[in-house]
Amino acid sequence: MKLVKQFKDARVIDIRVPTELDICNPSIVASEDGWEVLIRALDPKPYQGPDHEFLSSDNWLVRYAPDFTIRSIDKLEDLDFRKSCSDAIHGLEDGRLFYWKSQLHALFSGLKREGNTYLNTMVLSRIDGKTLVDPVILPSPHGQKREKNWMPYVRNDELYLVYSIQPMEVYRYTGKLERWAGEVNLQSSPASLGGAMISGSSQLIDWAEGALAVIHHRRKAPILGKLVMKHVTKDPEYQRKKVHFDHYFVRLDKNFNLMARSRPFQFETTGVEFCAGLCRGEQGILLSYGVMDRVARIIHMKIDWLNTIW
């Protein structure tokens, strides 16, 4: 199911920033003055090795009025941040926006390159105007060299970080990571996703007496289809079409038990898509997503549409 085709009356907003780089993976959050959207911009040229200049990501912040007229566009200043945070020296990737203690924050996957090896560590940042400040390194709780796609959730002014949906693994940040020891009972949940490799996508938002989020499943395209694209049609989009991204809405209870999941959906196409933002509006919900690592958009869905895809 593709949302833009299923809900043809949905409002889709193109996000644009003044850069020649490709843009992708936006994250939206509601503010007192409208909406704020974080966008990743990345160099489309292939990586040419450790001896060549390498740009991982710029990050832009677009502030919108409630009707989505643009209030401001700023490239976030992160040079001092990255110099003081060696785990993110080569860039800050795929940030998720959220408000915590009345201040705007983002949770990034920081990049550090050692030769041909990529290391990713989760990094928490406060956004002060157009500057990233106060870096906090969140070390992998399992000693992994590459960490991505943690989902932030602010509840009662406490910051939770959903490390994994399946199996459910949640941490609370109190100046350090603390494993949340609530009554999680995923094994008995009828919403379990079986053996699929599921990763986080959006932030979590309050929903009913629990939370709502978007997650994704990254899977390989069928072998025959890949062979045709690569050797017969020589599709220039092969690298972006050889993997498929299925997204799901999930509902969690107050103890982070997985209570329900939607049918799988895409936004526009079969290939690389990624949702990094979810927030609630007056008449529905808004999802921010990237397409093929070069387009960033927002879709506004009505609540009654959301209720039809579970």
Protein backbone atom coordinates (compact mmCIF):
# COMPACT_ATOMS: atom_id res chain seq x y z
CA MET A 1 0.00 0.00 0.00
CA LYS A 2 1.36 3.41 -1.01
CA LEU A 3 -0.03 6.23 1.13
CA VAL A 4 -0.06 8.93 -1.55
CA LYS A 5 -2.11 6.68 -3.84
CA GLN A 6 -4.36 5.25 -1.14
CA PHE A 7 -5.22 8.68 0.26
CA LYS A 8 -5.27 10.88 -2.83
CA ASP A 9 -6.66 13.89 -0.93
CA ALA A 10 -3.79 13.90 1.54
CA ARG A 11 -1.74 17.07 1.57
CA VAL A 12 1.85 16.45 0.52
CA ILE A 13 4.39 19.20 1.13
CA ASP A 14 7.75 19.33 -0.64
CA ILE A 15 10.63 20.38 1.59
CA ARG A 16 13.29 22.48 -0.08
CA VAL A 17 16.51 23.98 1.24
CA PRO A 18 19.12 26.11 -0.63
CA THR A 19 21.76 23.45 -1.25
CA GLU A 20 23.10 21.56 -4.27
CA LEU A 21 23.41 18.42 -2.16
CA ASP A 22 20.76 15.72 -2.16
CA ILE A 23 18.30 15.94 0.71
CA CYS A 24 16.57 13.12 2.57
CA ASN A 25 15.17 11.73 5.80
CA PRO A 26 13.40 14.76 7.33
CA SER A 27 12.14 14.76 10.91
CA ILE A 28 9.15 16.89 11.92
CA VAL A 29 8.05 18.11 15.34
CA ALA A 30 5.21 20.40 16.39
CA SER A 31 6.19 23.70 18.05
CA GLU A 32 4.31 26.57 19.63
CA ASP A 33 4.65 28.53 16.37
CA GLY A 34 3.88 25.76 13.88
CA TRP A 35 6.29 23.06 12.78
CA GLU A 36 10.03 22.49 12.76
CA VAL A 37 11.68 20.11 10.33
CA LEU A 38 15.24 18.78 10.36
CA ILE A 39 16.59 17.72 6.96
CA ARG A 40 19.73 15.82 6.13
CA ALA A 41 21.72 16.90 3.05
CA LEU A 42 24.36 14.57 1.71
CA ASP A 43 26.88 14.42 -1.09
CA PRO A 44 25.53 12.18 -3.90
CA LYS A 45 29.02 11.37 -5.21
CA PRO A 46 30.25 7.90 -4.27
CA TYR A 47 32.84 7.58 -1.53
CA GLN A 48 36.30 7.44 -3.14
CA GLY A 49 38.44 6.21 -0.27
CA PRO A 50 40.10 7.55 2.87
CA ASP A 51 42.49 9.86 1.00
CA HIS A 52 39.67 11.88 -0.55
CA GLU A 53 37.62 14.61 1.01
CA PHE A 54 34.44 13.07 2.40
CA LEU A 55 31.26 14.83 3.34
CA SER A 56 28.75 12.80 5.27
CA SER A 57 25.97 15.22 6.07
CA ASP A 58 24.89 18.77 6.45
CA ASN A 59 21.77 19.39 8.49
CA TRP A 60 19.16 22.07 7.85
CA LEU A 61 16.33 23.31 10.03
CA VAL A 62 13.18 24.68 8.41
CA ARG A 63 10.67 26.46 10.62
CA TYR A 64 7.12 26.59 9.26
CA ALA A 65 4.05 28.55 10.30
CA PRO A 66 0.91 26.46 11.03
CA ASP A 67 -0.16 26.75 7.36
CA PHE A 68 3.30 25.61 6.21
CA THR A 69 4.48 28.95 4.95
CA ILE A 70 8.20 29.15 5.64
CA ARG A 71 9.30 31.24 8.61
CA SER A 72 13.03 30.52 8.36
CA ILE A 73 15.60 28.17 6.83
CA ASP A 74 18.98 27.67 8.48
CA LYS A 75 21.92 25.40 7.89
CA LEU A 76 22.79 24.13 11.33
CA GLU A 77 26.27 25.04 12.51
CA ASP A 78 27.97 21.91 13.81
CA LEU A 79 31.72 22.37 13.28
CA ASP A 80 32.53 23.14 16.93
CA PHE A 81 30.12 20.38 17.96
CA ARG A 82 31.87 17.78 15.81
CA LYS A 83 35.35 18.93 16.85
CA SER A 84 34.39 18.43 20.49
CA CYS A 85 32.70 15.10 19.75
CA SER A 86 35.14 12.80 17.98
CA ASP A 87 32.47 10.11 17.55
CA ALA A 88 30.70 12.46 15.13
CA ILE A 89 33.72 14.08 13.51
CA HIS A 90 32.65 13.02 10.01
CA GLY A 91 29.03 13.98 10.28
CA LEU A 92 25.65 13.71 11.99
CA GLU A 93 23.19 11.46 10.24
CA ASP A 94 19.41 10.99 10.27
CA GLY A 95 18.45 13.13 13.25
CA ARG A 96 15.10 12.82 15.02
CA LEU A 97 13.68 16.03 16.47
CA PHE A 98 11.92 16.30 19.82
CA TYR A 99 11.20 18.81 22.57
CA TRP A 100 12.53 17.99 26.00
CA LYS A 101 12.37 20.31 28.99
CA SER A 102 10.94 22.98 26.66
CA GLN A 103 14.04 22.93 24.45
CA LEU A 104 14.51 21.58 20.95
CA HIS A 105 16.78 18.53 20.72
CA ALA A 106 17.86 16.03 18.10
CA LEU A 107 19.10 12.47 18.36
CA PHE A 108 21.63 11.69 15.62
CA SER A 109 23.76 8.80 14.51
CA GLY A 110 27.26 10.26 14.63
CA LEU A 111 29.79 9.11 12.03
CA LYS A 112 33.49 8.52 12.52
CA ARG A 113 35.57 7.05 9.71
CA GLU A 114 38.72 5.05 10.37
CA GLY A 115 40.23 4.17 7.01
CA ASN A 116 37.55 2.22 5.17
CA THR A 117 35.68 1.44 8.37
CA TYR A 118 32.56 3.33 9.39
CA LEU A 119 31.71 3.73 13.06
CA ASN A 120 28.32 5.05 14.15
CA THR A 121 27.51 6.19 17.67
CA MET A 122 24.28 7.77 18.87
CA VAL A 123 24.69 11.44 19.79
CA LEU A 124 22.23 13.67 21.59
CA SER A 125 22.27 17.41 20.85
CA ARG A 126 20.41 20.52 21.87
CA ILE A 127 19.57 23.00 19.12
CA ASP A 128 20.17 26.62 20.10
CA GLY A 129 18.87 28.81 17.29
CA LYS A 130 20.84 27.49 14.34
CA THR A 131 23.67 25.90 16.30
CA LEU A 132 24.08 22.36 17.58
CA VAL A 133 25.37 22.46 21.15
CA ASP A 134 25.99 20.30 24.22
CA PRO A 135 26.93 16.98 22.57
CA VAL A 136 26.17 13.87 24.60
CA ILE A 137 27.60 10.53 23.48
CA LEU A 138 25.28 7.57 24.04
CA PRO A 139 27.52 4.51 23.91
CA SER A 140 26.17 1.29 22.49
CA PRO A 141 24.71 -0.79 25.32
CA HIS A 142 25.89 -3.89 23.46
CA GLY A 143 29.29 -2.69 22.30
CA GLN A 144 28.16 -2.46 18.67
CA LYS A 145 30.35 -0.51 16.24
CA ARG A 146 27.38 0.86 14.31
CA GLU A 147 24.30 2.18 16.07
CA LYS A 148 21.38 3.77 14.24
CA ASN A 149 17.64 4.31 14.40
CA TRP A 150 17.03 4.71 18.12
CA MET A 151 13.64 6.33 18.68
CA PRO A 152 13.32 9.15 21.24
CA TYR A 153 10.17 9.54 23.33
CA VAL A 154 9.50 12.26 25.89
CA ARG A 155 6.86 11.33 28.47
CA ASN A 156 6.19 13.42 31.57
CA ASP A 157 9.37 15.37 30.73
CA GLU A 158 11.46 12.21 30.95
CA LEU A 159 13.50 11.10 27.94
CA TYR A 160 13.18 7.48 26.85
CA LEU A 161 15.12 5.90 24.00
CA VAL A 162 13.65 2.87 22.26
CA TYR A 163 16.68 0.86 21.21
CA SER A 164 14.76 -2.02 19.67
CA ILE A 165 11.13 -2.88 19.01
CA GLN A 166 11.65 -6.60 18.53
CA PRO A 167 12.79 -7.64 21.03
CA MET A 168 11.60 -4.60 22.97
CA GLU A 169 14.53 -2.80 24.59
CA VAL A 170 14.09 0.65 26.14
CA TYR A 171 16.44 2.99 27.98
CA ARG A 172 15.86 6.14 29.99
CA TYR A 173 18.40 8.95 29.82
CA THR A 174 19.05 10.58 33.20
CA GLY A 175 22.56 11.86 32.49
CA LYS A 176 23.43 8.28 31.62
CA LEU A 177 21.64 5.41 29.92
CA GLU A 178 19.57 3.28 32.27
CA ARG A 179 17.81 0.13 31.09
CA TRP A 180 14.09 0.60 31.59
CA ALA A 181 12.78 -2.24 33.69
CA GLY A 182 9.05 -1.97 33.09
CA GLU A 183 6.67 -4.86 32.56
CA VAL A 184 7.42 -5.48 28.89
CA ASN A 185 5.79 -8.69 27.70
CA LEU A 186 6.29 -8.72 23.94
CA GLN A 187 6.29 -12.48 23.54
CA SER A 188 2.55 -12.75 24.16
CA SER A 189 1.64 -9.82 21.93
CA PRO A 190 -0.58 -10.60 18.91
CA ALA A 191 1.14 -7.67 17.16
CA SER A 192 4.52 -9.42 17.04
CA LEU A 193 6.25 -9.10 13.67
CA GLY A 194 7.55 -12.65 13.56
CA GLY A 195 11.15 -13.07 12.47
CA ALA A 196 11.39 -9.85 10.46
CA MET A 197 14.39 -7.59 11.08
CA ILE A 198 12.64 -4.45 12.31
CA SER A 199 14.30 -1.06 12.84
CA GLY A 200 13.16 2.20 14.35
CA SER A 201 12.04 5.12 12.21
CA SER A 202 10.14 8.03 13.75
CA GLN A 203 10.06 9.41 17.24
CA LEU A 204 7.32 8.14 19.55
CA ILE A 205 4.39 10.41 20.35
CA ASP A 206 1.69 10.16 23.02
CA TRP A 207 -1.35 8.27 21.76
CA ALA A 208 -4.39 7.32 23.85
CA GLU A 209 -2.85 5.94 27.06
CA GLY A 210 0.31 4.81 25.31
CA ALA A 211 2.38 5.81 22.31
CA LEU A 212 2.37 5.73 18.52
CA ALA A 213 5.41 5.33 16.25
CA VAL A 214 6.51 4.33 12.76
CA ILE A 215 9.01 1.51 12.28
CA HIS A 216 10.47 -0.03 9.13
CA HIS A 217 11.57 -3.32 7.63
CA ARG A 218 14.41 -3.21 5.10
CA ARG A 219 14.33 -6.16 2.72
CA LYS A 220 16.06 -7.17 -0.50
CA ALA A 221 14.22 -6.94 -3.81
CA PRO A 222 13.44 -10.29 -5.49
CA ILE A 223 16.53 -11.76 -7.15
CA LEU A 224 14.97 -11.92 -10.61
CA GLY A 225 13.93 -8.29 -10.43
CA LYS A 226 17.43 -7.25 -9.38
CA LEU A 227 19.01 -9.16 -12.24
CA VAL A 228 16.68 -7.52 -14.75
CA MET A 229 17.35 -4.03 -13.38
CA LYS A 230 21.10 -4.52 -13.26
CA HIS A 231 21.81 -6.43 -16.47
CA VAL A 232 18.83 -6.01 -18.80
CA THR A 233 17.31 -2.56 -18.28
CA LYS A 234 20.52 -1.23 -16.67
CA ASP A 235 18.33 0.89 -14.45
CA PRO A 236 20.33 3.93 -13.22
CA GLU A 237 18.29 3.70 -10.00
CA TYR A 238 19.43 0.12 -9.35
CA GLN A 239 21.28 0.90 -6.12
CA ARG A 240 18.18 2.55 -4.67
CA LYS A 241 15.72 -0.04 -5.96
CA LYS A 242 17.55 -3.21 -4.98
CA VAL A 243 16.25 -2.79 -1.43
CA HIS A 244 12.65 -2.22 -0.38
CA PHE A 245 11.47 -0.39 2.71
CA ASP A 246 8.17 -1.38 4.32
CA HIS A 247 6.86 0.85 7.07
CA TYR A 248 4.39 0.09 9.84
CA PHE A 249 2.53 2.12 12.43
CA VAL A 250 2.77 0.55 15.88
CA ARG A 251 0.88 1.27 19.07
CA LEU A 252 2.52 0.68 22.43
CA ASP A 253 1.00 0.69 25.88
CA LYS A 254 2.42 2.65 28.80
CA ASN A 255 4.81 -0.22 29.54
CA PHE A 256 6.09 -0.28 25.94
CA ASN A 257 4.25 -3.48 25.11
CA LEU A 258 3.53 -3.76 21.40
CA MET A 259 -0.26 -3.72 21.22
CA ALA A 260 -1.03 -3.28 17.53
CA ARG A 261 0.65 -2.82 14.19
CA SER A 262 -0.68 -1.62 10.88
CA ARG A 263 -0.48 -3.27 7.52
CA PRO A 264 2.85 -2.55 5.77
CA PHE A 265 2.96 0.56 3.64
CA GLN A 266 5.22 2.62 1.44
CA PHE A 267 4.90 6.35 0.88
CA GLU A 268 5.32 6.72 -2.88
CA THR A 269 7.51 4.07 -4.42
CA THR A 270 9.13 0.67 -4.11
CA GLY A 271 12.73 1.26 -3.15
CA VAL A 272 14.56 3.44 -0.64
CA GLU A 273 12.17 5.42 1.54
CA PHE A 274 12.64 6.45 5.13
CA CYS A 275 10.37 8.04 7.73
CA ALA A 276 12.18 9.96 10.49
CA GLY A 277 9.34 12.14 11.76
CA LEU A 278 5.85 11.81 13.23
CA CYS A 279 3.76 14.41 15.03
CA ARG A 280 0.14 15.22 15.70
CA GLY A 281 -1.74 18.10 14.10
CA GLU A 282 -5.16 19.56 14.84
CA GLN A 283 -6.94 17.34 12.31
CA GLY A 284 -4.62 14.39 11.95
CA ILE A 285 -1.02 13.33 11.96
CA LEU A 286 1.99 14.41 9.94
CA LEU A 287 4.73 12.13 8.68
CA SER A 288 8.04 13.36 7.27
CA TYR A 289 9.88 11.05 4.91
CA GLY A 290 12.63 10.79 2.32
CA VAL A 291 12.40 9.17 -1.12
CA MET A 292 15.38 7.63 -2.93
CA ASP A 293 17.82 9.61 -0.74
CA ARG A 294 17.22 12.82 -2.65
CA VAL A 295 13.69 14.04 -1.89
CA ALA A 296 12.17 15.18 1.40
CA ARG A 297 8.43 15.52 1.97
CA ILE A 298 5.67 15.75 4.57
CA ILE A 299 2.29 14.04 4.29
CA HIS A 300 -0.71 15.14 6.36
CA MET A 301 -3.07 12.25 7.11
CA LYS A 302 -6.50 12.50 8.68
CA ILE A 303 -7.16 10.43 11.78
CA ASP A 304 -9.96 8.48 10.10
CA TRP A 305 -7.54 7.48 7.32
CA LEU A 306 -5.08 6.22 9.90
CA ASN A 307 -7.80 4.06 11.44
CA THR A 308 -8.31 2.19 8.15
CA ILE A 309 -4.85 0.68 7.82
CA TRP A 310 -4.64 -1.37 10.99
